[in-house]
Amino acid sequence: MSEISSLFQISLRSLWMHRLRSGLTTLGIVFGVASVIAMLAIGEGASRQAQEQIAHLGSTNIILKTVKPSDIEIADASQQTIQEYGLRYDDAERFRDTIPDAQVVVPVRRRPQQAQYRSRRITAEVVGTVAWYPELVPIEVRIGRFLSSLDMHYNEAVCVIDETVQDTLFQFDDPVGQDVKIAGEYYRVVGIVKDVSAGIGDQEQPSERSSQDSGITGSIYIPLPTMKSRFGEIQIQIGGASGVSGERVELSEITIKVPTMDRVLPTRDVLAALLDQNHKKKDYQIVVPLELLRQAAQTKRIFSIVLGSIAAISLLVGGIGIMNIMLATVSERTREIGIRRALGARKKDIVVQFLSETILLTLIGGLLGMMVGACIPILVTILGRMPTVITAGAMILSFGISAGIGLTFGLYPAYHAANMDPIESLRHE
């Protein structure tokens, strides 16, 4: 241990004699290690956010969505004024009756509408759904309650709002027990739920959201039977070459839950066959969160490899810079090497001396790079509002790469110094 300590003291003293050059050389390793940590942290944060959004949809869920067919398909289907497409109530009944693995079937209808409380107005997404909707979507009730079976049975004019609607529409008033006006009808607020972010794969329904509906603020949940009786299923559109036209959509989506993950894909195939058999047009989309999770994991691996490779290039450049500096150092210290060899130093001693200087240089750069790399993701999160995750694996990997680069790029200068002819070295001026 004393020999190792003495060796590193000599190496540190040698580097300190040329501290400006040593510092500039170390910067390549510092920025290389910092870039590896920062890029992996940004990639890990983005990946985890995507996986959380997908997992929010449920790994054992299968989501069927209404999709508006292309204009060509609709034009070829018929020339009637009202075009009908999308998922239907009998689809939900058929799934419940014919698929034994279907534990829960949740039909949903979504439609943007203007909501008013006193003089304040917003455009919110009105979600017509059933009382067991929270069994598939992890909705957290903050105040009051969610919709009940009695609300559905009696077509009650009640609603549950999320926190976004509460903050923008009611502001400082207590919403529970108040009446909110939606499309000319009043609904009593019975509960407030936490905001639910839209998951990956969630697509807007073209028939129900137009360009002017882009400023939707929050969600309002009402019983599905109430929405069916009050809003109907036909949406009339006025204007364009056709004059007056309409679209009839019964359901926006149907979510089905199966007991285990190994039953997800077989059930998906059965659903696809049933829909293909009962729908003449391709007016539906099947979203399987389990597949999205697997795709996200694969994308994460590819993303990490790409980002790590890009960052490793900067480390490689830093390693080349270190080798260049060490070769220049060997050239400058030729006479010193000759004197040491003349006094009995072996080739191994010369190799160890110069290799220890290179490793010490990269280790110092690696430690500084780890500190800088840990600060960059924090700044990205604060300033860019992007999630970042610094993992221990990224820190160990980057530090290990820097040490490996020091060892690899220091070998050639060290062996070059050790193989110098002692007589020629002593003659060097």
Protein backbone atom coordinates (compact mmCIF):
# COMPACT_ATOMS: atom_id res chain seq x y z
CA MET A 1 0.00 0.00 0.00
CA SER A 2 2.86 2.36 0.77
CA GLU A 3 4.32 1.77 -2.69
CA ILE A 4 0.96 2.49 -4.34
CA SER A 5 0.53 5.62 -2.23
CA SER A 6 4.03 6.79 -3.12
CA LEU A 7 3.41 6.07 -6.81
CA PHE A 8 0.24 8.16 -6.90
CA GLN A 9 1.93 10.99 -5.01
CA ILE A 10 4.67 11.09 -7.64
CA SER A 11 2.03 10.98 -10.41
CA LEU A 12 0.01 13.76 -8.79
CA ARG A 13 3.13 15.89 -8.39
CA SER A 14 4.00 15.37 -12.04
CA LEU A 15 0.49 16.35 -13.19
CA TRP A 16 0.50 19.39 -10.90
CA MET A 17 3.69 20.68 -12.52
CA HIS A 18 1.67 21.03 -15.76
CA ARG A 19 -1.69 21.76 -14.16
CA LEU A 20 -3.09 23.90 -16.99
CA ARG A 21 -2.37 21.22 -19.57
CA SER A 22 -3.64 18.51 -17.24
CA GLY A 23 -6.83 20.46 -16.54
CA LEU A 24 -7.57 21.05 -20.22
CA THR A 25 -6.91 17.37 -20.94
CA THR A 26 -9.27 16.35 -18.15
CA LEU A 27 -12.11 18.44 -19.61
CA GLY A 28 -12.61 15.90 -22.39
CA ILE A 29 -13.28 13.17 -19.82
CA VAL A 30 -15.41 15.51 -17.66
CA PHE A 31 -17.77 16.42 -20.49
CA GLY A 32 -17.79 12.86 -21.80
CA VAL A 33 -18.82 11.35 -18.46
CA ALA A 34 -21.31 14.16 -17.83
CA SER A 35 -22.92 13.65 -21.24
CA VAL A 36 -23.24 9.89 -20.68
CA ILE A 37 -24.98 10.40 -17.33
CA ALA A 38 -27.21 13.24 -18.58
CA MET A 39 -28.31 11.46 -21.75
CA LEU A 40 -29.05 8.20 -19.95
CA ALA A 41 -30.97 10.13 -17.25
CA ILE A 42 -33.09 11.94 -19.85
CA GLY A 43 -33.73 8.71 -21.74
CA GLU A 44 -34.64 6.84 -18.55
CA GLY A 45 -36.99 9.63 -17.46
CA ALA A 46 -38.79 9.72 -20.80
CA SER A 47 -39.06 5.94 -20.83
CA ARG A 48 -40.49 5.72 -17.31
CA GLN A 49 -43.01 8.45 -18.07
CA ALA A 50 -44.17 6.57 -21.16
CA GLN A 51 -44.36 3.29 -19.26
CA GLU A 52 -46.35 4.91 -16.45
CA GLN A 53 -48.84 6.32 -18.94
CA ILE A 54 -49.20 2.93 -20.60
CA ALA A 55 -49.47 1.10 -17.27
CA HIS A 56 -52.18 3.59 -16.33
CA LEU A 57 -54.31 2.03 -19.07
CA GLY A 58 -53.94 -1.38 -17.43
CA SER A 59 -51.67 -4.24 -18.49
CA THR A 60 -54.62 -6.68 -18.55
CA ASN A 61 -56.96 -4.30 -20.37
CA ILE A 62 -57.94 -4.25 -24.04
CA ILE A 63 -59.23 -0.91 -25.31
CA LEU A 64 -61.46 -0.66 -28.37
CA LYS A 65 -61.84 2.80 -29.87
CA THR A 66 -64.13 4.30 -32.45
CA VAL A 67 -62.25 5.61 -35.47
CA LYS A 68 -63.84 7.61 -38.24
CA PRO A 69 -63.32 5.83 -41.56
CA SER A 70 -61.69 7.64 -44.44
CA ASP A 71 -63.85 9.86 -46.62
CA ILE A 72 -63.58 7.33 -49.44
CA GLU A 73 -64.96 4.52 -47.28
CA ILE A 74 -67.86 6.66 -46.13
CA ALA A 75 -68.61 7.87 -49.64
CA ASP A 76 -68.61 4.32 -50.98
CA ALA A 77 -70.75 3.01 -48.15
CA SER A 78 -73.84 5.05 -48.95
CA GLN A 79 -75.02 8.48 -50.00
CA GLN A 80 -77.32 9.03 -47.02
CA THR A 81 -77.06 12.30 -45.11
CA ILE A 82 -76.40 10.69 -41.73
CA GLN A 83 -73.33 8.48 -41.64
CA GLU A 84 -73.20 5.76 -38.99
CA TYR A 85 -69.98 4.18 -37.80
CA GLY A 86 -68.07 3.16 -34.70
CA LEU A 87 -68.65 0.92 -31.73
CA ARG A 88 -72.21 0.11 -30.68
CA TYR A 89 -74.03 -0.94 -27.54
CA ASP A 90 -74.67 -4.39 -28.98
CA ASP A 91 -70.90 -4.77 -29.39
CA ALA A 92 -70.48 -4.34 -25.63
CA GLU A 93 -73.28 -6.86 -24.97
CA ARG A 94 -71.77 -9.31 -27.46
CA PHE A 95 -68.36 -9.09 -25.82
CA ARG A 96 -69.85 -9.66 -22.39
CA ASP A 97 -71.85 -12.69 -23.52
CA THR A 98 -69.36 -14.43 -25.84
CA ILE A 99 -65.98 -13.87 -24.18
CA PRO A 100 -65.64 -15.86 -20.94
CA ASP A 101 -62.39 -14.10 -20.02
CA ALA A 102 -64.07 -10.70 -19.95
CA GLN A 103 -64.15 -9.79 -16.27
CA VAL A 104 -65.30 -6.21 -16.75
CA VAL A 105 -66.69 -4.45 -19.82
CA VAL A 106 -66.85 -0.65 -19.66
CA PRO A 107 -68.55 1.33 -22.44
CA VAL A 108 -67.68 5.03 -22.73
CA ARG A 109 -68.98 7.93 -24.79
CA ARG A 110 -66.92 11.12 -25.02
CA ARG A 111 -68.10 14.45 -26.33
CA PRO A 112 -66.79 18.01 -25.89
CA GLN A 113 -69.41 20.40 -24.59
CA GLN A 114 -69.57 23.86 -23.08
CA ALA A 115 -70.01 23.85 -19.31
CA GLN A 116 -71.22 26.89 -17.39
CA TYR A 117 -71.31 27.83 -13.73
CA ARG A 118 -72.68 31.29 -13.05
CA SER A 119 -70.88 33.59 -15.50
CA ARG A 120 -67.88 31.30 -16.07
CA ARG A 121 -67.75 29.04 -19.11
CA ILE A 122 -65.31 26.38 -20.29
CA THR A 123 -65.22 23.66 -22.93
CA ALA A 124 -64.87 20.33 -21.12
CA GLU A 125 -64.89 16.72 -22.24
CA VAL A 126 -68.15 15.15 -21.14
CA VAL A 127 -67.58 11.45 -20.48
CA GLY A 128 -70.64 9.24 -20.38
CA THR A 129 -69.72 6.05 -18.55
CA VAL A 130 -70.86 3.44 -16.04
CA ALA A 131 -70.57 3.09 -12.29
CA TRP A 132 -67.82 0.44 -12.50
CA TYR A 133 -65.56 2.68 -14.62
CA PRO A 134 -63.06 3.10 -11.70
CA GLU A 135 -62.44 -0.67 -11.74
CA LEU A 136 -60.46 -0.24 -14.97
CA VAL A 137 -59.26 3.35 -14.76
CA PRO A 138 -57.55 4.23 -11.45
CA ILE A 139 -59.65 7.29 -10.68
CA GLU A 140 -59.03 8.73 -7.24
CA VAL A 141 -62.08 10.35 -5.68
CA ARG A 142 -60.97 13.39 -3.70
CA ILE A 143 -64.32 14.71 -2.48
CA GLY A 144 -67.80 13.17 -2.57
CA ARG A 145 -68.39 10.03 -4.64
CA PHE A 146 -68.30 8.62 -8.15
CA LEU A 147 -71.32 7.67 -10.22
CA SER A 148 -73.51 4.89 -8.80
CA SER A 149 -75.75 2.17 -10.23
CA LEU A 150 -78.82 4.11 -9.06
CA ASP A 151 -77.66 7.13 -11.06
CA MET A 152 -77.58 4.93 -14.14
CA HIS A 153 -80.87 3.20 -13.44
CA TYR A 154 -82.86 6.41 -12.93
CA ASN A 155 -80.97 8.51 -15.53
CA GLU A 156 -80.01 10.96 -12.82
CA ALA A 157 -78.71 14.39 -13.85
CA VAL A 158 -75.57 14.15 -11.73
CA CYS A 159 -71.93 14.59 -12.63
CA VAL A 160 -68.42 14.12 -11.28
CA ILE A 161 -65.80 16.70 -12.22
CA ASP A 162 -62.02 16.55 -12.13
CA GLU A 163 -59.73 19.03 -10.42
CA THR A 164 -59.06 20.98 -13.62
CA VAL A 165 -62.77 21.75 -14.02
CA GLN A 166 -62.95 22.60 -10.32
CA ASP A 167 -60.09 25.10 -10.53
CA THR A 168 -61.18 26.81 -13.76
CA LEU A 169 -64.97 26.73 -13.49
CA PHE A 170 -65.68 26.94 -9.76
CA GLN A 171 -62.44 28.57 -8.61
CA PHE A 172 -62.95 29.31 -4.89
CA ASP A 173 -66.50 27.88 -4.61
CA ASP A 174 -67.22 24.38 -3.27
CA PRO A 175 -68.51 22.45 -6.31
CA VAL A 176 -70.17 19.55 -4.46
CA GLY A 177 -73.91 20.15 -4.37
CA GLN A 178 -73.77 22.91 -6.98
CA ASP A 179 -75.41 22.73 -10.41
CA VAL A 180 -73.38 23.05 -13.59
CA LYS A 181 -75.05 23.76 -16.92
CA ILE A 182 -73.98 21.50 -19.81
CA ALA A 183 -75.56 21.98 -23.25
CA GLY A 184 -78.63 23.65 -21.79
CA GLU A 185 -79.21 21.04 -19.05
CA TYR A 186 -78.29 21.23 -15.37
CA TYR A 187 -76.32 18.55 -13.54
CA ARG A 188 -75.71 18.29 -9.80
CA VAL A 189 -72.04 17.83 -8.86
CA VAL A 190 -71.69 14.82 -6.55
CA GLY A 191 -67.91 14.33 -6.50
CA ILE A 192 -64.46 15.55 -7.48
CA VAL A 193 -61.77 13.23 -8.84
CA LYS A 194 -58.08 13.62 -9.49
CA ASP A 195 -57.03 14.54 -13.02
CA VAL A 196 -56.49 11.51 -15.25
CA SER A 197 -53.82 12.04 -17.92
CA ALA A 198 -54.58 10.66 -21.34
CA GLY A 199 -52.66 7.46 -21.92
CA ILE A 200 -50.56 6.54 -24.92
CA GLY A 201 -52.71 5.28 -27.71
CA ASP A 202 -55.60 7.50 -26.71
CA GLN A 203 -56.96 9.14 -29.81
CA GLU A 204 -59.60 11.76 -30.21
CA GLN A 205 -62.73 10.93 -32.08
CA PRO A 206 -62.81 13.00 -35.29
CA SER A 207 -66.59 13.06 -35.31
CA GLU A 208 -66.80 14.56 -31.86
CA ARG A 209 -63.79 16.92 -31.69
CA SER A 210 -63.23 19.54 -34.28
CA SER A 211 -60.43 22.05 -34.64
CA GLN A 212 -62.20 24.57 -32.46
CA ASP A 213 -62.43 21.99 -29.63
CA SER A 214 -58.68 21.91 -29.11
CA GLY A 215 -58.98 24.01 -25.93
CA ILE A 216 -60.70 21.35 -23.84
CA THR A 217 -60.36 21.94 -20.10
CA GLY A 218 -60.79 18.90 -17.88
CA SER A 219 -63.38 16.12 -17.82
CA ILE A 220 -66.94 15.84 -16.54
CA TYR A 221 -68.34 12.33 -15.92
CA ILE A 222 -72.07 11.66 -16.24
CA PRO A 223 -74.08 8.40 -16.33
CA LEU A 224 -74.04 6.81 -19.78
CA PRO A 225 -77.86 6.37 -19.93
CA THR A 226 -78.26 10.05 -19.06
CA MET A 227 -75.88 11.04 -21.83
CA LYS A 228 -77.73 8.80 -24.29
CA SER A 229 -81.13 10.27 -23.47
CA ARG A 230 -80.05 13.92 -23.30
CA PHE A 231 -77.36 14.19 -25.96
CA GLY A 232 -78.58 11.51 -28.35
CA GLU A 233 -76.29 9.73 -30.73
CA ILE A 234 -76.51 11.99 -33.80
CA GLN A 235 -74.39 15.06 -34.23
CA ILE A 236 -75.54 17.48 -36.92
CA GLN A 237 -72.99 19.45 -38.93
CA ILE A 238 -74.00 22.47 -41.00
CA GLY A 239 -71.86 23.86 -43.78
CA GLY A 240 -69.64 22.65 -46.55
CA ALA A 241 -70.59 21.37 -49.97
CA SER A 242 -73.10 18.90 -48.58
CA GLY A 243 -75.03 21.52 -46.63
CA VAL A 244 -76.46 19.67 -43.64
CA SER A 245 -74.93 16.35 -42.63
CA GLY A 246 -74.84 14.22 -39.54
CA GLU A 247 -72.89 11.46 -37.89
CA ARG A 248 -74.25 8.77 -35.59
CA VAL A 249 -71.81 7.33 -33.05
CA GLU A 250 -73.06 5.25 -30.13
CA LEU A 251 -69.85 4.64 -28.16
CA SER A 252 -66.41 6.21 -28.24
CA GLU A 253 -64.63 3.28 -26.65
CA ILE A 254 -65.09 -0.04 -24.89
CA THR A 255 -62.57 -1.31 -22.35
CA ILE A 256 -62.37 -5.01 -21.52
CA LYS A 257 -60.43 -6.51 -18.63
CA VAL A 258 -59.14 -10.08 -18.67
CA PRO A 259 -57.89 -12.01 -15.61
CA THR A 260 -54.23 -12.53 -16.55
CA MET A 261 -51.68 -11.05 -18.97
CA ASP A 262 -51.28 -14.32 -20.85
CA ARG A 263 -54.95 -14.09 -21.87
CA VAL A 264 -54.64 -10.57 -23.30
CA LEU A 265 -53.41 -11.43 -26.80
CA PRO A 266 -55.75 -14.43 -27.38
CA THR A 267 -58.70 -12.29 -26.25
CA ARG A 268 -57.51 -9.51 -28.57
CA ASP A 269 -57.64 -11.92 -31.50
CA VAL A 270 -61.19 -12.98 -30.60
CA LEU A 271 -62.30 -9.36 -30.35
CA ALA A 272 -60.74 -8.58 -33.72
CA ALA A 273 -62.64 -11.48 -35.31
CA LEU A 274 -65.96 -10.39 -33.76
CA LEU A 275 -65.52 -6.79 -34.85
CA ASP A 276 -64.48 -7.78 -38.35
CA GLN A 277 -67.54 -9.97 -38.62
CA ASN A 278 -70.02 -7.33 -37.41
CA HIS A 279 -68.52 -4.15 -38.87
CA LYS A 280 -68.51 -3.58 -42.61
CA LYS A 281 -66.13 -0.63 -42.31
CA LYS A 282 -62.82 -0.37 -40.51
CA ASP A 283 -64.31 2.01 -37.95
CA TYR A 284 -62.53 0.76 -34.84
CA GLN A 285 -59.07 0.52 -33.34
CA ILE A 286 -57.75 -2.06 -30.89
CA VAL A 287 -55.24 -0.79 -28.33
CA VAL A 288 -53.43 -3.34 -26.17
CA PRO A 289 -51.46 -1.63 -23.36
CA LEU A 290 -49.46 -4.83 -22.79
CA GLU A 291 -48.06 -4.61 -26.31
CA LEU A 292 -47.36 -0.92 -25.82
CA LEU A 293 -45.46 -1.72 -22.62
CA ARG A 294 -43.30 -4.23 -24.45
CA GLN A 295 -42.71 -1.80 -27.29
CA ALA A 296 -41.80 0.92 -24.78
CA ALA A 297 -39.28 -1.41 -23.11
CA GLN A 298 -37.72 -2.21 -26.47
CA THR A 299 -37.68 1.47 -27.42
CA LYS A 300 -36.00 2.26 -24.12
CA ARG A 301 -33.21 -0.19 -24.83
CA ILE A 302 -32.65 1.21 -28.31
CA PHE A 303 -32.86 4.78 -27.01
CA SER A 304 -30.34 4.08 -24.25
CA ILE A 305 -27.94 2.42 -26.69
CA VAL A 306 -28.16 5.34 -29.12
CA LEU A 307 -27.74 8.00 -26.44
CA GLY A 308 -24.96 6.06 -24.74
CA SER A 309 -23.14 5.61 -28.04
CA ILE A 310 -23.35 9.31 -28.82
CA ALA A 311 -22.01 10.18 -25.38
CA ALA A 312 -19.31 7.51 -25.63
CA ILE A 313 -17.96 9.25 -28.72
CA SER A 314 -17.11 12.29 -26.62
CA LEU A 315 -15.33 9.99 -24.15
CA LEU A 316 -13.42 8.45 -27.03
CA VAL A 317 -12.34 11.90 -28.18
CA GLY A 318 -11.27 12.68 -24.63
CA GLY A 319 -9.26 9.45 -24.51
CA ILE A 320 -7.49 10.30 -27.76
CA GLY A 321 -6.64 13.71 -26.30
CA ILE A 322 -5.17 12.06 -23.20
CA MET A 323 -3.04 9.71 -25.32
CA ASN A 324 -1.80 12.68 -27.35
CA ILE A 325 -0.85 14.62 -24.24
CA MET A 326 0.87 11.61 -22.66
CA LEU A 327 2.93 11.05 -25.82
CA ALA A 328 3.99 14.69 -25.66
CA THR A 329 4.84 14.21 -21.98
CA VAL A 330 6.96 11.17 -22.77
CA SER A 331 8.82 13.19 -25.40
CA GLU A 332 9.45 16.00 -22.91
CA ARG A 333 10.65 13.60 -20.19
CA THR A 334 12.96 11.48 -22.36
CA ARG A 335 16.05 12.45 -20.39
CA GLU A 336 14.25 11.70 -17.09
CA ILE A 337 13.38 8.25 -18.41
CA GLY A 338 17.02 7.64 -19.39
CA ILE A 339 18.24 8.66 -15.93
CA ARG A 340 15.77 6.35 -14.20
CA ARG A 341 16.74 3.46 -16.44
CA ALA A 342 20.43 4.14 -15.78
CA LEU A 343 19.81 4.06 -12.02
CA GLY A 344 18.23 0.61 -12.28
CA ALA A 345 14.54 1.21 -13.05
CA ARG A 346 12.96 -1.63 -14.99
CA LYS A 347 10.66 -1.31 -17.99
CA LYS A 348 7.79 -2.33 -15.74
CA ASP A 349 8.52 0.60 -13.41
CA ILE A 350 8.38 3.07 -16.32
CA VAL A 351 5.12 1.57 -17.61
CA VAL A 352 3.51 1.73 -14.16
CA GLN A 353 4.64 5.34 -13.65
CA PHE A 354 3.16 6.73 -16.85
CA LEU A 355 0.10 4.48 -16.69
CA SER A 356 -0.64 5.66 -13.14
CA GLU A 357 -0.51 9.29 -14.33
CA THR A 358 -2.99 8.54 -17.12
CA ILE A 359 -5.37 6.63 -14.82
CA LEU A 360 -5.19 9.37 -12.18
CA LEU A 361 -5.99 11.96 -14.84
CA THR A 362 -9.06 10.03 -16.05
CA LEU A 363 -10.27 9.21 -12.52
CA ILE A 364 -10.19 12.89 -11.57
CA GLY A 365 -12.05 13.71 -14.78
CA GLY A 366 -14.51 10.90 -14.10
CA LEU A 367 -15.32 12.17 -10.59
CA LEU A 368 -15.77 15.74 -11.81
CA GLY A 369 -17.87 14.45 -14.73
CA MET A 370 -20.13 12.53 -12.35
CA MET A 371 -20.80 15.69 -10.34
CA VAL A 372 -21.51 17.74 -13.47
CA GLY A 373 -23.60 14.91 -14.94
CA ALA A 374 -25.72 14.74 -11.80
CA CYS A 375 -26.48 18.48 -12.01
CA ILE A 376 -27.50 18.57 -15.69
CA PRO A 377 -30.63 16.35 -15.31
CA ILE A 378 -31.76 18.45 -12.37
CA LEU A 379 -31.52 21.60 -14.49
CA VAL A 380 -33.33 19.87 -17.35
CA THR A 381 -36.16 18.89 -14.99
CA ILE A 382 -36.43 22.38 -13.48
CA LEU A 383 -36.03 24.47 -16.62
CA GLY A 384 -37.36 22.14 -19.30
CA ARG A 385 -40.01 20.43 -17.14
CA MET A 386 -38.86 17.05 -18.46
CA PRO A 387 -38.68 14.01 -16.18
CA THR A 388 -35.16 12.67 -15.65
CA VAL A 389 -33.99 9.68 -13.65
CA ILE A 390 -30.35 9.26 -12.58
CA THR A 391 -29.65 5.59 -11.97
CA ALA A 392 -26.73 4.06 -10.10
CA GLY A 393 -26.02 1.95 -13.18
CA ALA A 394 -25.46 5.06 -15.29
CA MET A 395 -23.04 6.50 -12.74
CA ILE A 396 -21.08 3.26 -12.43
CA LEU A 397 -21.07 2.73 -16.20
CA SER A 398 -19.78 6.21 -17.00
CA PHE A 399 -17.09 6.08 -14.30
CA GLY A 400 -16.04 2.60 -15.41
CA ILE A 401 -15.81 3.75 -19.03
CA SER A 402 -13.62 6.71 -18.03
CA ALA A 403 -11.29 4.41 -16.06
CA GLY A 404 -11.18 1.97 -18.96
CA ILE A 405 -10.34 4.76 -21.39
CA GLY A 406 -7.50 5.90 -19.13
CA LEU A 407 -6.12 2.36 -19.02
CA THR A 408 -6.56 1.76 -22.76
CA PHE A 409 -5.20 5.05 -24.07
CA GLY A 410 -2.41 5.15 -21.50
CA LEU A 411 -0.90 1.81 -22.43
CA TYR A 412 0.74 2.89 -25.68
CA PRO A 413 2.48 6.01 -24.28
CA ALA A 414 3.64 3.99 -21.26
CA TYR A 415 5.09 1.18 -23.36
CA HIS A 416 6.61 3.72 -25.73
CA ALA A 417 8.39 5.31 -22.80
CA ALA A 418 9.54 1.97 -21.39
CA ASN A 419 11.01 0.79 -24.71
CA MET A 420 13.24 3.83 -25.20
CA ASP A 421 16.95 3.14 -25.43
CA PRO A 422 18.50 4.38 -22.14
CA ILE A 423 21.70 5.56 -23.86
CA GLU A 424 19.78 7.55 -26.49
CA SER A 425 17.51 8.92 -23.76
CA LEU A 426 20.48 10.24 -21.78
CA ARG A 427 21.78 12.02 -24.89
CA HIS A 428 18.41 13.71 -25.46
CA GLU A 429 18.44 17.47 -24.88
